[in-house]
Each structure stands twice: as C-alpha cells, then as structure tokens.
PDB file of all heavy atoms in Angstrom:
ATOM      1  N   THR A   1     142.458  -4.435 145.386  1.00  0.00           N
ATOM      2  CA  THR A   1     141.663  -3.269 145.004  1.00  0.00           C
ATOM      3  C   THR A   1     140.627  -3.611 143.934  1.00  0.00           C
ATOM      4  O   THR A   1     139.944  -2.717 143.434  1.00  0.00           O
ATOM      5  CB  THR A   1     142.571  -2.134 144.496  1.00  0.00           C
ATOM      6  OG1 THR A   1     143.400  -2.625 143.430  1.00  0.00           O
ATOM      7  CG2 THR A   1     143.446  -1.592 145.616  1.00  0.00           C
ATOM      8  N   ALA A   2     140.495  -4.885 143.589  1.00  0.00           N
ATOM      9  CA  ALA A   2     139.498  -5.292 142.601  1.00  0.00           C
ATOM     10  C   ALA A   2     138.103  -4.921 143.093  1.00  0.00           C
ATOM     11  O   ALA A   2     137.732  -5.232 144.216  1.00  0.00           O
ATOM     12  CB  ALA A   2     139.582  -6.796 142.352  1.00  0.00           C
ATOM     13  N   GLY A   3     137.367  -4.223 142.276  1.00  0.00           N
ATOM     14  CA  GLY A   3     136.020  -3.797 142.650  1.00  0.00           C
ATOM     15  C   GLY A   3     135.948  -2.491 143.403  1.00  0.00           C
ATOM     16  O   GLY A   3     134.850  -1.990 143.667  1.00  0.00           O
ATOM     17  N   CYS A   4     137.093  -1.915 143.755  1.00  0.00           N
ATOM     18  CA  CYS A   4     137.104  -0.637 144.474  1.00  0.00           C
ATOM     19  C   CYS A   4     137.031   0.525 143.472  1.00  0.00           C
ATOM     20  O   CYS A   4     137.716   0.500 142.443  1.00  0.00           O
ATOM     21  CB  CYS A   4     138.372  -0.488 145.300  1.00  0.00           C
ATOM     22  SG  CYS A   4     138.525  -1.662 146.661  1.00  0.00           S
ATOM     23  N   PRO A   5     136.254   1.563 143.759  1.00  0.00           N
ATOM     24  CA  PRO A   5     136.209   2.730 142.870  1.00  0.00           C
ATOM     25  C   PRO A   5     137.577   3.409 142.790  1.00  0.00           C
ATOM     26  O   PRO A   5     138.204   3.665 143.819  1.00  0.00           O
ATOM     27  CB  PRO A   5     135.175   3.653 143.533  1.00  0.00           C
ATOM     28  CG  PRO A   5     134.385   2.766 144.443  1.00  0.00           C
ATOM     29  CD  PRO A   5     135.321   1.704 144.901  1.00  0.00           C
ATOM     30  N   GLU A   6     138.029   3.692 141.571  1.00  0.00           N
ATOM     31  CA  GLU A   6     139.340   4.315 141.388  1.00  0.00           C
ATOM     32  C   GLU A   6     139.203   5.817 141.185  1.00  0.00           C
ATOM     33  O   GLU A   6     138.336   6.287 140.462  1.00  0.00           O
ATOM     34  CB  GLU A   6     140.063   3.710 140.181  1.00  0.00           C
ATOM     35  CG  GLU A   6     141.456   4.285 139.961  1.00  0.00           C
ATOM     36  CD  GLU A   6     142.186   3.658 138.795  1.00  0.00           C
ATOM     37  OE1 GLU A   6     141.674   2.668 138.233  1.00  0.00           O
ATOM     38  OE2 GLU A   6     143.276   4.163 138.433  1.00  0.00           O
ATOM     39  N   TYR A   7     140.072   6.559 141.863  1.00  0.00           N
ATOM     40  CA  TYR A   7     140.163   8.002 141.668  1.00  0.00           C
ATOM     41  C   TYR A   7     141.274   8.319 140.677  1.00  0.00           C
ATOM     42  O   TYR A   7     142.285   7.607 140.614  1.00  0.00           O
ATOM     43  CB  TYR A   7     140.486   8.714 142.988  1.00  0.00           C
ATOM     44  CG  TYR A   7     139.339   8.777 143.961  1.00  0.00           C
ATOM     45  CD1 TYR A   7     139.174   7.799 144.933  1.00  0.00           C
ATOM     46  CD2 TYR A   7     138.418   9.825 143.918  1.00  0.00           C
ATOM     47  CE1 TYR A   7     138.122   7.861 145.842  1.00  0.00           C
ATOM     48  CE2 TYR A   7     137.364   9.886 144.817  1.00  0.00           C
ATOM     49  CZ  TYR A   7     137.226   8.900 145.769  1.00  0.00           C
ATOM     50  OH  TYR A   7     136.185   8.957 146.658  1.00  0.00           O
ATOM     51  N   LYS A   8     141.109   9.390 139.946  1.00  0.00           N
ATOM     52  CA  LYS A   8     142.172   9.873 139.079  1.00  0.00           C
ATOM     53  C   LYS A   8     143.110  10.745 139.902  1.00  0.00           C
ATOM     54  O   LYS A   8     142.674  11.653 140.610  1.00  0.00           O
ATOM     55  CB  LYS A   8     141.603  10.694 137.921  1.00  0.00           C
ATOM     56  CG  LYS A   8     142.680  11.211 136.967  1.00  0.00           C
ATOM     57  CD  LYS A   8     142.080  12.017 135.821  1.00  0.00           C
ATOM     58  CE  LYS A   8     143.181  12.531 134.886  1.00  0.00           C
ATOM     59  NZ  LYS A   8     142.626  13.323 133.768  1.00  0.00           N
ATOM     60  N   LEU A   9     144.395  10.456 139.827  1.00  0.00           N
ATOM     61  CA  LEU A   9     145.384  11.262 140.532  1.00  0.00           C
ATOM     62  C   LEU A   9     145.610  12.561 139.768  1.00  0.00           C
ATOM     63  O   LEU A   9     145.996  12.548 138.600  1.00  0.00           O
ATOM     64  CB  LEU A   9     146.700  10.488 140.666  1.00  0.00           C
ATOM     65  CG  LEU A   9     147.834  11.187 141.415  1.00  0.00           C
ATOM     66  CD1 LEU A   9     147.421  11.518 142.849  1.00  0.00           C
ATOM     67  CD2 LEU A   9     149.079  10.303 141.429  1.00  0.00           C
ATOM     68  N   LEU A  10     145.337  13.695 140.437  1.00  0.00           N
ATOM     69  CA  LEU A  10     145.463  15.008 139.810  1.00  0.00           C
ATOM     70  C   LEU A  10     146.732  15.738 140.246  1.00  0.00           C
ATOM     71  O   LEU A  10     147.367  16.411 139.445  1.00  0.00           O
ATOM     72  CB  LEU A  10     144.235  15.857 140.141  1.00  0.00           C
ATOM     73  CG  LEU A  10     142.883  15.281 139.708  1.00  0.00           C
ATOM     74  CD1 LEU A  10     141.743  16.138 140.240  1.00  0.00           C
ATOM     75  CD2 LEU A  10     142.812  15.172 138.190  1.00  0.00           C
ATOM     76  N   LEU A  11     147.062  15.584 141.520  1.00  0.00           N
ATOM     77  CA  LEU A  11     148.221  16.303 142.065  1.00  0.00           C
ATOM     78  C   LEU A  11     148.777  15.519 143.242  1.00  0.00           C
ATOM     79  O   LEU A  11     148.030  14.959 144.045  1.00  0.00           O
ATOM     80  CB  LEU A  11     147.797  17.697 142.542  1.00  0.00           C
ATOM     81  CG  LEU A  11     148.891  18.581 143.166  1.00  0.00           C
ATOM     82  CD1 LEU A  11     149.791  19.156 142.082  1.00  0.00           C
ATOM     83  CD2 LEU A  11     148.270  19.705 143.986  1.00  0.00           C
ATOM     84  N   LYS A  12     150.117  15.485 143.327  1.00  0.00           N
ATOM     85  CA  LYS A  12     150.756  14.899 144.505  1.00  0.00           C
ATOM     86  C   LYS A  12     151.982  15.727 144.866  1.00  0.00           C
ATOM     87  O   LYS A  12     152.844  15.982 144.028  1.00  0.00           O
ATOM     88  CB  LYS A  12     151.145  13.437 144.258  1.00  0.00           C
ATOM     89  CG  LYS A  12     151.785  12.787 145.486  1.00  0.00           C
ATOM     90  CD  LYS A  12     151.836  11.265 145.404  1.00  0.00           C
ATOM     91  CE  LYS A  12     152.628  10.757 144.248  1.00  0.00           C
ATOM     92  NZ  LYS A  12     152.862   9.295 144.331  1.00  0.00           N
ATOM     93  N   GLU A  13     152.026  16.141 146.134  1.00  0.00           N
ATOM     94  CA  GLU A  13     153.128  16.944 146.648  1.00  0.00           C
ATOM     95  C   GLU A  13     153.704  16.296 147.901  1.00  0.00           C
ATOM     96  O   GLU A  13     152.992  15.641 148.660  1.00  0.00           O
ATOM     97  CB  GLU A  13     152.648  18.352 147.011  1.00  0.00           C
ATOM     98  CG  GLU A  13     152.103  19.154 145.848  1.00  0.00           C
ATOM     99  CD  GLU A  13     151.472  20.467 146.292  1.00  0.00           C
ATOM    100  OE1 GLU A  13     150.963  20.528 147.437  1.00  0.00           O
ATOM    101  OE2 GLU A  13     151.480  21.419 145.497  1.00  0.00           O
ATOM    102  N   LYS A  14     154.993  16.514 148.105  1.00  0.00           N
ATOM    103  CA  LYS A  14     155.675  16.060 149.317  1.00  0.00           C
ATOM    104  C   LYS A  14     156.164  17.298 150.052  1.00  0.00           C
ATOM    105  O   LYS A  14     156.998  18.044 149.536  1.00  0.00           O
ATOM    106  CB  LYS A  14     156.841  15.133 148.937  1.00  0.00           C
ATOM    107  CG  LYS A  14     157.541  14.477 150.123  1.00  0.00           C
ATOM    108  CD  LYS A  14     158.606  13.508 149.625  1.00  0.00           C
ATOM    109  CE  LYS A  14     159.264  12.750 150.752  1.00  0.00           C
ATOM    110  NZ  LYS A  14     160.291  11.782 150.243  1.00  0.00           N
ATOM    111  N   ILE A  15     155.640  17.497 151.249  1.00  0.00           N
ATOM    112  CA  ILE A  15     155.876  18.738 151.987  1.00  0.00           C
ATOM    113  C   ILE A  15     156.772  18.459 153.186  1.00  0.00           C
ATOM    114  O   ILE A  15     156.471  17.598 154.016  1.00  0.00           O
ATOM    115  CB  ILE A  15     154.543  19.347 152.465  1.00  0.00           C
ATOM    116  CG1 ILE A  15     153.602  19.573 151.276  1.00  0.00           C
ATOM    117  CG2 ILE A  15     154.784  20.650 153.223  1.00  0.00           C
ATOM    118  CD1 ILE A  15     152.177  19.848 151.673  1.00  0.00           C
ATOM    119  N   ASN A  16     157.869  19.189 153.290  1.00  0.00           N
ATOM    120  CA  ASN A  16     158.744  19.098 154.452  1.00  0.00           C
ATOM    121  C   ASN A  16     158.128  19.930 155.572  1.00  0.00           C
ATOM    122  O   ASN A  16     158.004  21.153 155.452  1.00  0.00           O
ATOM    123  CB  ASN A  16     160.149  19.606 154.106  1.00  0.00           C
ATOM    124  CG  ASN A  16     161.145  19.366 155.221  1.00  0.00           C
ATOM    125  OD1 ASN A  16     160.910  19.703 156.373  1.00  0.00           O
ATOM    126  ND2 ASN A  16     162.289  18.794 154.873  1.00  0.00           N
ATOM    127  N   LEU A  17     157.722  19.278 156.655  1.00  0.00           N
ATOM    128  CA  LEU A  17     157.009  19.969 157.724  1.00  0.00           C
ATOM    129  C   LEU A  17     157.912  20.883 158.537  1.00  0.00           C
ATOM    130  O   LEU A  17     157.423  21.788 159.224  1.00  0.00           O
ATOM    131  CB  LEU A  17     156.331  18.945 158.648  1.00  0.00           C
ATOM    132  CG  LEU A  17     155.256  18.086 157.972  1.00  0.00           C
ATOM    133  CD1 LEU A  17     154.759  17.009 158.936  1.00  0.00           C
ATOM    134  CD2 LEU A  17     154.098  18.945 157.497  1.00  0.00           C
ATOM    135  N   LYS A  18     159.225  20.684 158.464  1.00  0.00           N
ATOM    136  CA  LYS A  18     160.159  21.547 159.189  1.00  0.00           C
ATOM    137  C   LYS A  18     160.480  22.818 158.411  1.00  0.00           C
ATOM    138  O   LYS A  18     160.536  23.910 158.978  1.00  0.00           O
ATOM    139  CB  LYS A  18     161.449  20.781 159.501  1.00  0.00           C
ATOM    140  CG  LYS A  18     161.295  19.725 160.580  1.00  0.00           C
ATOM    141  CD  LYS A  18     162.649  19.128 160.948  1.00  0.00           C
ATOM    142  CE  LYS A  18     162.524  18.172 162.125  1.00  0.00           C
ATOM    143  NZ  LYS A  18     163.835  17.588 162.529  1.00  0.00           N
ATOM    144  N   THR A  19     160.686  22.681 157.111  1.00  0.00           N
ATOM    145  CA  THR A  19     161.124  23.822 156.305  1.00  0.00           C
ATOM    146  C   THR A  19     159.998  24.443 155.482  1.00  0.00           C
ATOM    147  O   THR A  19     160.132  25.568 155.003  1.00  0.00           O
ATOM    148  CB  THR A  19     162.234  23.390 155.332  1.00  0.00           C
ATOM    149  OG1 THR A  19     161.696  22.466 154.371  1.00  0.00           O
ATOM    150  CG2 THR A  19     163.389  22.738 156.091  1.00  0.00           C
ATOM    151  N   GLY A  20     158.909  23.682 155.299  1.00  0.00           N
ATOM    152  CA  GLY A  20     157.826  24.165 154.447  1.00  0.00           C
ATOM    153  C   GLY A  20     158.077  23.950 152.965  1.00  0.00           C
ATOM    154  O   GLY A  20     157.230  24.304 152.140  1.00  0.00           O
ATOM    155  N   GLU A  21     159.220  23.378 152.607  1.00  0.00           N
ATOM    156  CA  GLU A  21     159.543  23.142 151.197  1.00  0.00           C
ATOM    157  C   GLU A  21     158.557  22.151 150.588  1.00  0.00           C
ATOM    158  O   GLU A  21     158.235  21.120 151.192  1.00  0.00           O
ATOM    159  CB  GLU A  21     160.959  22.598 151.072  1.00  0.00           C
ATOM    160  CG  GLU A  21     161.380  22.310 149.633  1.00  0.00           C
ATOM    161  CD  GLU A  21     162.760  21.681 149.545  1.00  0.00           C
ATOM    162  OE1 GLU A  21     163.413  21.513 150.587  1.00  0.00           O
ATOM    163  OE2 GLU A  21     163.177  21.348 148.412  1.00  0.00           O
ATOM    164  N   ILE A  22     158.087  22.445 149.384  1.00  0.00           N
ATOM    165  CA  ILE A  22     157.123  21.593 148.691  1.00  0.00           C
ATOM    166  C   ILE A  22     157.769  21.010 147.440  1.00  0.00           C
ATOM    167  O   ILE A  22     158.257  21.747 146.579  1.00  0.00           O
ATOM    168  CB  ILE A  22     155.855  22.381 148.304  1.00  0.00           C
ATOM    169  CG1 ILE A  22     155.166  22.943 149.555  1.00  0.00           C
ATOM    170  CG2 ILE A  22     154.893  21.485 147.525  1.00  0.00           C
ATOM    171  CD1 ILE A  22     153.982  23.835 149.245  1.00  0.00           C
ATOM    172  N   GLN A  23     157.782  19.700 147.362  1.00  0.00           N
ATOM    173  CA  GLN A  23     158.300  19.000 146.184  1.00  0.00           C
ATOM    174  C   GLN A  23     157.121  18.480 145.370  1.00  0.00           C
ATOM    175  O   GLN A  23     156.295  17.712 145.875  1.00  0.00           O
ATOM    176  CB  GLN A  23     159.191  17.834 146.609  1.00  0.00           C
ATOM    177  CG  GLN A  23     159.766  17.043 145.429  1.00  0.00           C
ATOM    178  CD  GLN A  23     160.573  15.834 145.895  1.00  0.00           C
ATOM    179  OE1 GLN A  23     160.758  15.606 147.093  1.00  0.00           O
ATOM    180  NE2 GLN A  23     161.070  15.063 144.945  1.00  0.00           N
ATOM    181  N   LEU A  24     157.032  18.897 144.129  1.00  0.00           N
ATOM    182  CA  LEU A  24     155.966  18.431 143.250  1.00  0.00           C
ATOM    183  C   LEU A  24     156.334  17.053 142.715  1.00  0.00           C
ATOM    184  O   LEU A  24     157.336  16.890 142.025  1.00  0.00           O
ATOM    185  CB  LEU A  24     155.755  19.407 142.092  1.00  0.00           C
ATOM    186  CG  LEU A  24     154.681  19.019 141.065  1.00  0.00           C
ATOM    187  CD1 LEU A  24     153.300  18.968 141.716  1.00  0.00           C
ATOM    188  CD2 LEU A  24     154.693  19.992 139.889  1.00  0.00           C
ATOM    189  N   LEU A  25     155.513  16.047 143.031  1.00  0.00           N
ATOM    190  CA  LEU A  25     155.760  14.687 142.579  1.00  0.00           C
ATOM    191  C   LEU A  25     154.962  14.338 141.332  1.00  0.00           C
ATOM    192  O   LEU A  25     155.406  13.532 140.512  1.00  0.00           O
ATOM    193  CB  LEU A  25     155.426  13.694 143.701  1.00  0.00           C
ATOM    194  CG  LEU A  25     156.237  13.832 144.985  1.00  0.00           C
ATOM    195  CD1 LEU A  25     155.721  12.873 146.045  1.00  0.00           C
ATOM    196  CD2 LEU A  25     157.723  13.595 144.727  1.00  0.00           C
ATOM    197  N   PHE A  26     153.787  14.947 141.202  1.00  0.00           N
ATOM    198  CA  PHE A  26     152.953  14.677 140.033  1.00  0.00           C
ATOM    199  C   PHE A  26     151.910  15.778 139.892  1.00  0.00           C
ATOM    200  O   PHE A  26     151.343  16.242 140.885  1.00  0.00           O
ATOM    201  CB  PHE A  26     152.240  13.330 140.157  1.00  0.00           C
ATOM    202  CG  PHE A  26     151.289  13.043 139.022  1.00  0.00           C
ATOM    203  CD1 PHE A  26     151.747  12.526 137.819  1.00  0.00           C
ATOM    204  CD2 PHE A  26     149.931  13.320 139.148  1.00  0.00           C
ATOM    205  CE1 PHE A  26     150.873  12.286 136.770  1.00  0.00           C
ATOM    206  CE2 PHE A  26     149.055  13.078 138.103  1.00  0.00           C
ATOM    207  CZ  PHE A  26     149.525  12.562 136.908  1.00  0.00           C
ATOM    208  N   ARG A  27     151.670  16.179 138.665  1.00  0.00           N
ATOM    209  CA  ARG A  27     150.551  17.070 138.354  1.00  0.00           C
ATOM    210  C   ARG A  27     149.965  16.667 137.005  1.00  0.00           C
ATOM    211  O   ARG A  27     150.695  16.589 136.008  1.00  0.00           O
ATOM    212  CB  ARG A  27     150.982  18.538 138.297  1.00  0.00           C
ATOM    213  CG  ARG A  27     149.806  19.492 137.978  1.00  0.00           C
ATOM    214  CD  ARG A  27     150.290  20.886 137.618  1.00  0.00           C
ATOM    215  NE  ARG A  27     150.843  21.576 138.745  1.00  0.00           N
ATOM    216  CZ  ARG A  27     150.126  22.311 139.605  1.00  0.00           C
ATOM    217  NH1 ARG A  27     148.817  22.448 139.428  1.00  0.00           N
ATOM    218  NH2 ARG A  27     150.710  22.919 140.611  1.00  0.00           N
ATOM    219  N   SER A  28     148.679  16.395 136.991  1.00  0.00           N
ATOM    220  CA  SER A  28     148.008  16.086 135.746  1.00  0.00           C
ATOM    221  C   SER A  28     147.938  17.348 134.889  1.00  0.00           C
ATOM    222  O   SER A  28     147.655  18.438 135.405  1.00  0.00           O
ATOM    223  CB  SER A  28     146.598  15.575 136.018  1.00  0.00           C
ATOM    224  OG  SER A  28     145.843  15.508 134.823  1.00  0.00           O
ATOM    225  N   PRO A  29     148.196  17.249 133.591  1.00  0.00           N
ATOM    226  CA  PRO A  29     148.093  18.421 132.714  1.00  0.00           C
ATOM    227  C   PRO A  29     146.710  19.073 132.759  1.00  0.00           C
ATOM    228  O   PRO A  29     146.581  20.264 132.484  1.00  0.00           O
ATOM    229  CB  PRO A  29     148.387  17.837 131.325  1.00  0.00           C
ATOM    230  CG  PRO A  29     149.167  16.600 131.585  1.00  0.00           C
ATOM    231  CD  PRO A  29     148.646  16.048 132.861  1.00  0.00           C
ATOM    232  N   SER A  30     145.701  18.295 133.131  1.00  0.00           N
ATOM    233  CA  SER A  30     144.337  18.823 133.147  1.00  0.00           C
ATOM    234  C   SER A  30     143.959  19.493 134.463  1.00  0.00           C
ATOM    235  O   SER A  30     142.884  20.073 134.584  1.00  0.00           O
ATOM    236  CB  SER A  30     143.340  17.686 132.870  1.00  0.00           C
ATOM    237  OG  SER A  30     143.389  16.730 133.910  1.00  0.00           O
ATOM    238  N   TYR A  31     144.878  19.421 135.451  1.00  0.00           N
ATOM    239  CA  TYR A  31     144.517  19.947 136.781  1.00  0.00           C
ATOM    240  C   TYR A  31     145.037  21.358 136.962  1.00  0.00           C
ATOM    241  O   TYR A  31     146.206  21.667 136.742  1.00  0.00           O
ATOM    242  CB  TYR A  31     145.099  19.059 137.889  1.00  0.00           C
ATOM    243  CG  TYR A  31     144.783  19.603 139.281  1.00  0.00           C
ATOM    244  CD1 TYR A  31     143.487  19.591 139.756  1.00  0.00           C
ATOM    245  CD2 TYR A  31     145.793  20.134 140.069  1.00  0.00           C
ATOM    246  CE1 TYR A  31     143.180  20.108 141.008  1.00  0.00           C
ATOM    247  CE2 TYR A  31     145.498  20.628 141.337  1.00  0.00           C
ATOM    248  CZ  TYR A  31     144.187  20.613 141.794  1.00  0.00           C
ATOM    249  OH  TYR A  31     143.894  21.128 143.037  1.00  0.00           O
ATOM    250  N   HIS A  32     144.137  22.247 137.402  1.00  0.00           N
ATOM    251  CA  HIS A  32     144.474  23.630 137.713  1.00  0.00           C
ATOM    252  C   HIS A  32     143.883  23.972 139.061  1.00  0.00           C
ATOM    253  O   HIS A  32     142.648  24.025 139.223  1.00  0.00           O
ATOM    254  CB  HIS A  32     143.925  24.576 136.643  1.00  0.00           C
ATOM    255  CG  HIS A  32     144.434  24.267 135.256  1.00  0.00           C
ATOM    256  ND1 HIS A  32     145.711  24.597 134.846  1.00  0.00           N
ATOM    257  CD2 HIS A  32     143.830  23.624 134.205  1.00  0.00           C
ATOM    258  CE1 HIS A  32     145.876  24.192 133.588  1.00  0.00           C
ATOM    259  NE2 HIS A  32     144.769  23.591 133.187  1.00  0.00           N
ATOM    260  N   GLU A  33     144.750  24.158 140.053  1.00  0.00           N
ATOM    261  CA  GLU A  33     144.286  24.425 141.413  1.00  0.00           C
ATOM    262  C   GLU A  33     143.820  25.868 141.547  1.00  0.00           C
ATOM    263  O   GLU A  33     144.467  26.783 141.044  1.00  0.00           O
ATOM    264  CB  GLU A  33     145.398  24.120 142.412  1.00  0.00           C
ATOM    265  CG  GLU A  33     144.939  24.074 143.855  1.00  0.00           C
ATOM    266  CD  GLU A  33     145.964  23.410 144.756  1.00  0.00           C
ATOM    267  OE1 GLU A  33     147.125  23.257 144.319  1.00  0.00           O
ATOM    268  OE2 GLU A  33     145.602  23.041 145.874  1.00  0.00           O
ATOM    269  N   ASN A  34     142.702  26.041 142.259  1.00  0.00           N
ATOM    270  CA  ASN A  34     142.211  27.389 142.486  1.00  0.00           C
ATOM    271  C   ASN A  34     143.151  28.156 143.388  1.00  0.00           C
ATOM    272  O   ASN A  34     143.655  27.594 144.369  1.00  0.00           O
ATOM    273  CB  ASN A  34     140.823  27.353 143.127  1.00  0.00           C
ATOM    274  CG  ASN A  34     139.781  26.760 142.203  1.00  0.00           C
ATOM    275  OD1 ASN A  34     139.858  26.932 140.997  1.00  0.00           O
ATOM    276  ND2 ASN A  34     138.799  26.051 142.760  1.00  0.00           N
ATOM    277  N   PRO A  35     143.418  29.435 143.082  1.00  0.00           N
ATOM    278  CA  PRO A  35     144.352  30.212 143.912  1.00  0.00           C
ATOM    279  C   PRO A  35     143.754  30.480 145.290  1.00  0.00           C
ATOM    280  O   PRO A  35     142.563  30.437 145.480  1.00  0.00           O
ATOM    281  CB  PRO A  35     144.516  31.510 143.122  1.00  0.00           C
ATOM    282  CG  PRO A  35     143.296  31.609 142.273  1.00  0.00           C
ATOM    283  CD  PRO A  35     142.889  30.189 141.947  1.00  0.00           C
TER     284      PRO A  35
END
C-alpha cells in the first residue's frame, strides 16, 4: 500500500443478512451519520 492514498476509517459495521442484526465494530468519535 506504499504510495496509495489512505482513507480515514469513520465507521465499520457487520450486518447479519439473515437476521438484520448490526454489530458495531468501529465508530470514530468525530463521525455522525445523517439520519
């Protein structure tokens, strides 16, 4: 990844496609998702 532009990770979720359950894996304190 040397020389590749890096993105800041703001949010990461793991979604169970069968049940719809959402597991929050990461959220940046600075990130606020629009409703």
